[in-house]
Amino acid sequence: MRYFLPPEKWEKIEATTAAFLSQACKGEPQDAKEVAAVLGRILSLIRSHGNIVRIMSRALQHQLGLHVLHNDWRGALCLSPASIAELTFLLGQLQFFNGRIIPSAASVSHVLELSQTFQDLQEVTGGTADRRDLLVSDVSDTAAFIFLVDGTFRFVADYPVNSSESSTSRELEALVRFLHAVGGRLASRATCRLYWQTDSQAAVWAMQRGSRVISLQAKVREIVFLEKQHSLSIIPVWTPREHQRVVFADLGSRIFSSTDEWSIDREDLATVFFLLGFLPDPDCFATTASSVAQTFFSVCPQKGSAGIDFFAQNLVPGRRYFVCPPVQLAAKAFLRFQACPGVEALFAIPDWQSGLSPQGCSSPLSYRIPPPEALLLLGLRNRLTLHGRHPHSLCLPPVQILVPRNVLLPRR
């Protein structure tokens, strides 16, 4: 369902706006009250046209506000080139944007629509449950990470970003690229309203009101066009960066430059798996790029991930867990398996004593690895791989495969 502006009202607004714009283009000063009247007519279209009318009148609103602040409502003002450009664009696109989506039958009532939106916003900001209508994003200096919180890990994307741009620009660019990539598939889902959770207040403000920064305004305009193209309505929501979903997105944006994302050379691993008759399922600490098993657990949402956070998963006897953790979590993971007799696991841990002892650990969650007599040690060649956008070999200390004695090792 859509809400359309009646033709007779559209013709009247188009005629008065075109006449006003014609005079402004000639450099004729416009009475402040007349400018306010034009803005009022344009903003009255928000019900039928959506937020585009507010965004693309941003420059004129700012100009009128400054005039009234210094001169009250007396006198006239000449429209700036930015105001004229935005009004010209808006006038040419109003017919295209006519027909705003009505999310549900109840939303035909504006009061009920606002009530539902307010309830949804409370759930987004105050809860951590999965939602089919919620996007979450975050950006670092090198990458942007964005995902749909529907529990399937199908709509997850990461993009390299230009570190010279502002964080607001990078946040908006991530949303633009995500909509270009999967907007069509999102449009085929049951919901047409998407909430976008971010820790960038400036990005939320730009999406709601537009921006006087030309580059940001261009990105917001592109997002609005993509919304119309894919029959979506995106509502930005700000939450602090401490929110659990934003923390996941932040991890995703940094994961490709993190030294925690390491693994052993695949050829060496294949040799070890063959000697032990060990077919891993799942990989407990992995990403889409680094996983050595068909299923894996990841620290943040990843395509193909079977679950978020290894320590939140139930360990099931009969499965063969491959554990190649970040060094600071190695001891904690080891103790987790020690507490689950009968669960089979294969550990790969770098021989970094400073990272495996309390004295060298910055994390309070790390513990001392049990003494060597409790472990079966297998030497490997000195080859490790750091998984990122450009995987490359590293010269690191020797690696040990550590297997708790209390696990069930296959006999050969």
Protein backbone atom coordinates (compact mmCIF):
# COMPACT_ATOMS: atom_id res chain seq x y z
CA MET A 1 0.00 0.00 0.00
CA ARG A 2 1.09 3.55 -0.68
CA TYR A 3 -0.01 7.02 0.28
CA PHE A 4 -0.34 9.34 -2.77
CA LEU A 5 -0.79 13.09 -3.01
CA PRO A 6 -4.09 13.97 -4.78
CA PRO A 7 -3.50 15.33 -8.33
CA GLU A 8 -5.22 18.67 -7.67
CA LYS A 9 -3.05 19.39 -4.64
CA TRP A 10 0.07 18.33 -6.53
CA GLU A 11 -0.71 20.71 -9.42
CA LYS A 12 -1.18 23.64 -7.03
CA ILE A 13 2.08 22.99 -5.15
CA GLU A 14 3.99 22.45 -8.39
CA ALA A 15 2.73 25.72 -9.89
CA THR A 16 3.45 27.89 -6.84
CA THR A 17 6.91 26.33 -6.28
CA ALA A 18 7.85 26.72 -9.96
CA ALA A 19 6.83 30.40 -9.92
CA PHE A 20 8.79 31.01 -6.72
CA LEU A 21 11.86 29.26 -8.14
CA SER A 22 11.66 31.22 -11.40
CA GLN A 23 11.84 34.52 -9.53
CA ALA A 24 14.65 33.28 -7.31
CA CYS A 25 16.72 32.21 -10.32
CA LYS A 26 16.51 35.78 -11.64
CA GLY A 27 18.13 37.01 -8.41
CA GLU A 28 14.96 38.69 -7.15
CA PRO A 29 14.77 38.97 -3.33
CA GLN A 30 12.00 36.86 -1.78
CA ASP A 31 9.96 37.98 1.20
CA ALA A 32 10.86 35.92 4.27
CA LYS A 33 7.24 35.01 4.96
CA GLU A 34 6.77 33.86 1.37
CA VAL A 35 9.88 31.66 1.68
CA ALA A 36 8.40 30.16 4.84
CA ALA A 37 5.11 29.53 3.05
CA VAL A 38 6.90 27.68 0.23
CA LEU A 39 8.86 25.60 2.74
CA GLY A 40 5.63 24.80 4.58
CA ARG A 41 3.95 23.54 1.39
CA ILE A 42 7.01 21.44 0.53
CA LEU A 43 7.30 19.90 3.99
CA SER A 44 3.58 19.08 4.00
CA LEU A 45 4.41 16.46 1.36
CA ILE A 46 6.38 14.29 3.80
CA ARG A 47 3.39 11.96 4.26
CA SER A 48 3.19 11.19 0.55
CA HIS A 49 6.82 11.71 -0.53
CA GLY A 50 8.85 10.70 2.48
CA ASN A 51 11.93 12.34 3.93
CA ILE A 52 13.24 13.55 0.56
CA VAL A 53 11.29 16.82 0.94
CA ARG A 54 13.04 17.57 4.25
CA ILE A 55 16.48 16.52 3.02
CA MET A 56 16.37 18.45 -0.26
CA SER A 57 15.19 21.68 1.36
CA ARG A 58 18.00 21.66 3.93
CA ALA A 59 19.90 24.63 2.46
CA LEU A 60 16.80 26.82 2.21
CA GLN A 61 15.76 25.98 5.79
CA HIS A 62 19.21 27.00 7.01
CA GLN A 63 19.20 30.21 4.99
CA LEU A 64 15.74 31.24 6.21
CA GLY A 65 16.68 30.41 9.80
CA LEU A 66 19.72 32.69 9.65
CA HIS A 67 17.68 35.52 8.13
CA VAL A 68 14.99 35.31 10.81
CA LEU A 69 17.62 35.09 13.55
CA HIS A 70 19.26 38.36 12.49
CA ASN A 71 16.35 40.27 10.94
CA ASP A 72 13.24 38.71 12.44
CA TRP A 73 10.54 38.21 9.76
CA ARG A 74 11.17 41.61 8.22
CA GLY A 75 12.75 42.11 4.82
CA ALA A 76 13.61 39.72 1.99
CA LEU A 77 16.43 37.39 1.05
CA CYS A 78 18.06 36.21 -2.15
CA LEU A 79 18.27 32.44 -2.41
CA SER A 80 21.77 30.96 -2.36
CA PRO A 81 22.99 28.75 -5.23
CA ALA A 82 22.69 25.72 -2.92
CA SER A 83 19.06 26.53 -2.09
CA ILE A 84 18.20 27.04 -5.77
CA ALA A 85 19.96 23.79 -6.76
CA GLU A 86 18.11 21.77 -4.14
CA LEU A 87 14.72 23.24 -4.99
CA THR A 88 15.31 22.68 -8.70
CA PHE A 89 16.22 19.04 -8.05
CA LEU A 90 13.24 18.56 -5.74
CA LEU A 91 10.77 20.05 -8.19
CA GLY A 92 12.02 17.73 -10.91
CA GLN A 93 11.76 14.61 -8.73
CA LEU A 94 8.55 15.19 -6.76
CA GLN A 95 6.44 13.22 -9.21
CA PHE A 96 8.88 10.28 -8.98
CA PHE A 97 8.73 10.20 -5.17
CA ASN A 98 4.95 10.55 -4.96
CA GLY A 99 3.59 7.39 -3.30
CA ARG A 100 5.15 6.70 0.10
CA ILE A 101 4.99 3.11 1.35
CA ILE A 102 2.46 2.29 4.04
CA PRO A 103 4.10 -0.56 6.02
CA SER A 104 0.83 -2.13 7.23
CA ALA A 105 -2.91 -1.62 7.24
CA ALA A 106 -2.72 -0.18 10.74
CA SER A 107 -0.20 2.41 9.52
CA VAL A 108 -2.88 4.06 7.38
CA SER A 109 -3.55 5.92 10.61
CA HIS A 110 -0.64 8.30 11.15
CA VAL A 111 -1.08 8.04 14.92
CA LEU A 112 -0.85 4.22 14.83
CA GLU A 113 2.17 4.40 12.53
CA LEU A 114 4.02 6.71 14.91
CA SER A 115 3.06 4.50 17.85
CA GLN A 116 4.41 1.37 16.11
CA THR A 117 7.62 3.18 15.13
CA PHE A 118 8.13 4.38 18.72
CA GLN A 119 7.65 0.82 20.02
CA ASP A 120 10.11 -0.56 17.45
CA LEU A 121 12.70 2.09 18.35
CA GLN A 122 12.47 1.11 22.01
CA GLU A 123 13.07 -2.55 21.11
CA VAL A 124 16.03 -1.68 18.88
CA THR A 125 17.76 0.59 21.39
CA GLY A 126 16.92 -1.41 24.52
CA GLY A 127 17.09 -5.02 23.33
CA THR A 128 19.50 -7.43 21.66
CA ALA A 129 17.07 -9.86 20.01
CA ASP A 130 17.24 -10.65 16.29
CA ARG A 131 14.93 -8.66 14.01
CA ARG A 132 14.16 -9.16 10.33
CA ASP A 133 13.93 -5.39 9.85
CA LEU A 134 17.19 -4.22 11.47
CA LEU A 135 20.52 -3.29 9.84
CA VAL A 136 23.60 -2.63 11.97
CA SER A 137 26.84 -1.05 10.78
CA ASP A 138 30.14 0.30 12.01
CA VAL A 139 33.30 1.60 10.35
CA SER A 140 36.97 1.58 11.24
CA ASP A 141 39.82 3.40 9.52
CA THR A 142 40.15 0.66 6.90
CA ALA A 143 36.81 -1.13 6.55
CA ALA A 144 33.06 -0.86 6.95
CA PHE A 145 30.93 -3.73 8.24
CA ILE A 146 27.14 -3.99 7.91
CA PHE A 147 24.72 -6.84 8.48
CA LEU A 148 21.01 -7.64 8.79
CA VAL A 149 20.15 -8.93 12.27
CA ASP A 150 17.78 -11.72 11.21
CA GLY A 151 19.82 -14.62 12.60
CA THR A 152 20.63 -16.16 9.19
CA PHE A 153 24.00 -14.43 8.51
CA ARG A 154 23.02 -14.21 4.82
CA PHE A 155 23.01 -10.43 4.53
CA VAL A 156 26.50 -9.59 5.79
CA ALA A 157 28.97 -7.38 3.94
CA ASP A 158 32.28 -5.64 4.49
CA TYR A 159 33.88 -3.01 2.30
CA PRO A 160 37.22 -1.21 2.20
CA VAL A 161 36.81 2.49 2.94
CA ASN A 162 38.77 5.66 2.30
CA SER A 163 40.42 6.58 5.60
CA SER A 164 40.76 10.21 4.48
CA GLU A 165 36.96 10.62 4.56
CA SER A 166 35.05 11.45 7.73
CA SER A 167 33.50 8.63 9.75
CA THR A 168 30.04 9.99 8.84
CA SER A 169 30.84 9.75 5.14
CA ARG A 170 32.13 6.19 5.61
CA GLU A 171 28.98 5.15 7.49
CA LEU A 172 26.74 6.51 4.73
CA GLU A 173 28.93 4.98 2.01
CA ALA A 174 28.61 1.56 3.68
CA LEU A 175 24.82 1.85 3.58
CA VAL A 176 24.89 2.96 -0.06
CA ARG A 177 27.03 0.01 -1.13
CA PHE A 178 24.99 -2.44 0.92
CA LEU A 179 21.74 -1.28 -0.70
CA HIS A 180 23.30 -1.50 -4.16
CA ALA A 181 24.42 -5.07 -3.43
CA VAL A 182 21.40 -6.60 -1.68
CA GLY A 183 18.62 -4.00 -1.84
CA GLY A 184 16.65 -6.05 -4.36
CA ARG A 185 16.74 -9.15 -2.16
CA LEU A 186 15.75 -7.14 0.90
CA ALA A 187 12.77 -5.73 -1.00
CA SER A 188 11.43 -9.25 -1.59
CA ARG A 189 11.14 -9.86 2.16
CA ALA A 190 7.93 -9.46 4.13
CA THR A 191 8.87 -6.10 5.65
CA CYS A 192 9.44 -2.90 3.68
CA ARG A 193 10.62 -0.88 6.68
CA LEU A 194 14.24 -1.21 7.77
CA TYR A 195 15.78 0.27 10.91
CA TRP A 196 19.46 1.17 10.59
CA GLN A 197 21.37 1.04 13.89
CA THR A 198 24.59 3.04 14.07
CA ASP A 199 26.73 4.79 16.65
CA SER A 200 27.18 7.84 14.40
CA GLN A 201 24.90 10.67 15.50
CA ALA A 202 25.98 12.77 12.53
CA ALA A 203 24.92 10.01 10.10
CA VAL A 204 21.51 9.74 11.78
CA TRP A 205 21.06 13.52 11.61
CA ALA A 206 22.06 13.60 7.92
CA MET A 207 19.55 10.84 7.12
CA GLN A 208 16.79 12.67 8.96
CA ARG A 209 17.48 16.28 7.99
CA GLY A 210 20.03 16.29 5.20
CA SER A 211 23.44 17.94 5.41
CA ARG A 212 25.03 21.21 4.32
CA VAL A 213 28.18 19.23 3.47
CA ILE A 214 27.91 18.60 -0.27
CA SER A 215 29.50 15.14 -0.23
CA LEU A 216 27.26 13.93 2.61
CA GLN A 217 24.17 15.39 0.98
CA ALA A 218 24.99 13.50 -2.22
CA LYS A 219 25.24 10.19 -0.34
CA VAL A 220 21.97 10.81 1.51
CA ARG A 221 20.27 11.64 -1.77
CA GLU A 222 21.55 8.37 -3.28
CA ILE A 223 20.23 6.42 -0.30
CA VAL A 224 16.80 7.98 -0.70
CA PHE A 225 16.76 7.03 -4.40
CA LEU A 226 17.72 3.45 -3.52
CA GLU A 227 14.92 3.35 -0.94
CA LYS A 228 12.43 4.34 -3.62
CA GLN A 229 13.92 1.96 -6.18
CA HIS A 230 13.70 -1.06 -3.85
CA SER A 231 10.44 -0.05 -2.12
CA LEU A 232 12.15 0.30 1.24
CA SER A 233 11.85 2.80 4.05
CA ILE A 234 15.02 3.20 6.15
CA ILE A 235 14.74 4.67 9.64
CA PRO A 236 18.12 5.52 11.26
CA VAL A 237 18.55 4.74 14.95
CA TRP A 238 21.43 5.95 17.12
CA THR A 239 22.74 3.81 19.97
CA PRO A 240 25.99 4.11 21.97
CA ARG A 241 28.92 2.11 20.64
CA GLU A 242 28.72 -0.08 23.78
CA HIS A 243 25.48 -1.66 22.49
CA GLN A 244 26.06 -5.37 21.79
CA ARG A 245 25.07 -5.21 18.12
CA VAL A 246 27.36 -2.22 17.48
CA VAL A 247 30.19 -4.05 19.27
CA PHE A 248 29.73 -6.96 16.83
CA ALA A 249 29.77 -4.56 13.88
CA ASP A 250 32.88 -2.86 15.27
CA LEU A 251 34.63 -6.24 15.50
CA GLY A 252 33.64 -6.94 11.92
CA SER A 253 35.06 -3.65 10.67
CA ARG A 254 38.42 -4.36 12.36
CA ILE A 255 38.68 -8.09 11.81
CA PHE A 256 40.56 -7.93 8.52
CA SER A 257 43.40 -5.94 10.03
CA SER A 258 43.50 -7.89 13.31
CA THR A 259 46.49 -10.07 14.14
CA ASP A 260 44.07 -12.36 16.01
CA GLU A 261 42.94 -13.71 12.63
CA TRP A 262 45.79 -16.18 12.09
CA SER A 263 45.91 -19.87 11.21
CA ILE A 264 48.35 -22.61 10.32
CA ASP A 265 49.35 -23.27 6.72
CA ARG A 266 46.66 -25.44 5.10
CA GLU A 267 49.19 -28.03 3.89
CA ASP A 268 50.51 -28.53 7.42
CA LEU A 269 46.99 -28.77 8.81
CA ALA A 270 46.02 -31.37 6.23
CA THR A 271 49.01 -33.46 7.31
CA VAL A 272 48.00 -33.26 10.97
CA PHE A 273 44.36 -34.08 10.21
CA PHE A 274 45.45 -37.11 8.17
CA LEU A 275 47.84 -38.42 10.84
CA LEU A 276 45.19 -38.14 13.53
CA GLY A 277 42.26 -39.20 11.38
CA PHE A 278 40.63 -35.97 12.47
CA LEU A 279 37.95 -34.33 10.30
CA PRO A 280 37.15 -30.99 11.97
CA ASP A 281 33.55 -29.92 12.48
CA PRO A 282 33.21 -27.15 13.50
CA ASP A 283 36.07 -24.61 13.47
CA CYS A 284 35.63 -22.77 16.78
CA PHE A 285 37.40 -19.48 16.04
CA ALA A 286 37.15 -18.56 12.36
CA THR A 287 35.89 -16.24 9.66
CA THR A 288 34.46 -16.94 6.22
CA ALA A 289 38.01 -16.66 4.81
CA SER A 290 39.90 -18.67 7.44
CA SER A 291 37.56 -21.53 8.32
CA VAL A 292 38.95 -25.05 7.76
CA ALA A 293 35.59 -26.76 8.37
CA GLN A 294 32.18 -26.64 6.72
CA THR A 295 30.73 -25.04 9.83
CA PHE A 296 32.39 -22.49 12.09
CA PHE A 297 31.80 -20.08 14.96
CA SER A 298 32.79 -16.43 14.54
CA VAL A 299 33.32 -13.48 16.83
CA CYS A 300 30.91 -11.34 14.80
CA PRO A 301 28.27 -12.04 12.12
CA GLN A 302 29.82 -13.76 9.08
CA LYS A 303 28.36 -15.41 6.01
CA GLY A 304 28.05 -19.14 6.71
CA SER A 305 28.63 -18.78 10.46
CA ALA A 306 26.92 -21.39 12.64
CA GLY A 307 26.97 -19.15 15.69
CA ILE A 308 28.39 -16.04 17.32
CA ASP A 309 31.01 -16.39 20.08
CA PHE A 310 32.44 -19.85 20.72
CA PHE A 311 32.04 -19.43 24.48
CA ALA A 312 28.27 -19.02 24.07
CA GLN A 313 27.92 -22.37 22.26
CA ASN A 314 26.97 -25.74 23.74
CA LEU A 315 29.71 -28.35 23.27
CA VAL A 316 28.28 -31.62 21.95
CA PRO A 317 29.96 -35.03 22.37
CA GLY A 318 30.56 -36.72 19.03
CA ARG A 319 31.61 -33.58 17.19
CA ARG A 320 35.26 -32.86 16.46
CA TYR A 321 36.12 -29.29 17.37
CA PHE A 322 39.11 -27.56 15.81
CA VAL A 323 40.34 -24.74 18.05
CA CYS A 324 42.72 -22.11 16.68
CA PRO A 325 41.98 -19.19 19.03
CA PRO A 326 43.43 -15.72 19.51
CA VAL A 327 46.40 -16.15 21.83
CA GLN A 328 44.81 -14.30 24.73
CA LEU A 329 41.80 -16.66 24.66
CA ALA A 330 43.75 -19.91 24.33
CA ALA A 331 43.79 -20.79 28.02
CA LYS A 332 40.14 -19.87 28.52
CA ALA A 333 39.15 -22.09 25.58
CA PHE A 334 41.31 -24.93 26.90
CA LEU A 335 39.63 -24.80 30.31
CA ARG A 336 36.22 -24.76 28.61
CA PHE A 337 36.97 -28.12 27.00
CA GLN A 338 38.47 -29.50 30.22
CA ALA A 339 35.11 -28.89 31.85
CA CYS A 340 33.34 -30.98 29.17
CA PRO A 341 34.61 -34.61 29.34
CA GLY A 342 33.94 -36.68 26.26
CA VAL A 343 34.12 -33.75 23.85
CA GLU A 344 36.80 -34.21 21.18
CA ALA A 345 38.94 -31.22 20.25
CA LEU A 346 42.17 -30.34 18.50
CA PHE A 347 43.99 -27.19 19.65
CA ALA A 348 46.44 -25.12 17.61
CA ILE A 349 48.31 -22.60 19.75
CA PRO A 350 51.42 -20.53 18.95
CA ASP A 351 54.34 -21.13 21.28
CA TRP A 352 54.16 -17.58 22.68
CA GLN A 353 54.82 -18.01 26.38
CA SER A 354 54.19 -14.34 27.10
CA GLY A 355 50.72 -14.70 25.66
CA LEU A 356 49.91 -17.88 27.58
CA SER A 357 50.91 -16.83 31.08
CA PRO A 358 49.19 -14.37 33.44
CA GLN A 359 52.26 -12.10 33.59
CA GLY A 360 52.15 -11.44 29.86
CA CYS A 361 48.38 -11.24 29.44
CA SER A 362 46.45 -7.99 29.31
CA SER A 363 43.11 -9.82 29.36
CA PRO A 364 41.64 -10.82 32.75
CA LEU A 365 40.00 -13.80 31.03
CA SER A 366 43.30 -15.57 30.35
CA TYR A 367 44.62 -18.39 32.51
CA ARG A 368 47.80 -20.45 32.69
CA ILE A 369 47.99 -23.37 30.28
CA PRO A 370 48.25 -26.71 32.17
CA PRO A 371 51.75 -28.24 32.37
CA PRO A 372 53.16 -30.04 29.31
CA GLU A 373 52.59 -33.52 30.73
CA ALA A 374 48.84 -32.92 30.30
CA LEU A 375 49.25 -32.33 26.59
CA LEU A 376 50.12 -34.25 23.47
CA LEU A 377 52.56 -32.12 21.46
CA LEU A 378 53.11 -32.32 17.73
CA GLY A 379 55.75 -30.14 16.06
CA LEU A 380 54.92 -28.24 12.88
CA ARG A 381 56.93 -26.28 10.39
CA ASN A 382 57.23 -22.57 11.00
CA ARG A 383 54.48 -21.38 8.64
CA LEU A 384 51.45 -19.38 9.65
CA THR A 385 49.02 -17.24 7.70
CA LEU A 386 47.38 -13.99 8.66
CA HIS A 387 43.90 -13.84 7.13
CA GLY A 388 42.88 -10.44 5.85
CA ARG A 389 42.14 -8.72 2.60
CA HIS A 390 45.57 -9.76 1.34
CA PRO A 391 46.59 -13.03 3.08
CA HIS A 392 50.32 -13.37 3.46
CA SER A 393 52.82 -15.59 5.26
CA LEU A 394 54.35 -14.44 8.52
CA CYS A 395 57.62 -15.34 10.21
CA LEU A 396 56.35 -16.42 13.65
CA PRO A 397 57.51 -18.75 16.45
CA PRO A 398 56.91 -22.53 16.19
CA VAL A 399 53.37 -23.83 16.51
CA GLN A 400 52.21 -26.65 18.73
CA ILE A 401 49.10 -28.76 18.33
CA LEU A 402 47.75 -29.20 21.84
CA VAL A 403 45.25 -31.97 22.59
CA PRO A 404 43.82 -32.37 26.11
CA ARG A 405 44.34 -35.92 27.33
CA ASN A 406 40.80 -36.19 28.59
CA VAL A 407 39.34 -35.89 25.10
CA LEU A 408 38.55 -38.91 22.96
CA LEU A 409 41.33 -39.25 20.40
CA PRO A 410 40.78 -41.63 17.49
CA ARG A 411 42.94 -44.75 17.49
CA ARG A 412 45.07 -45.46 14.41
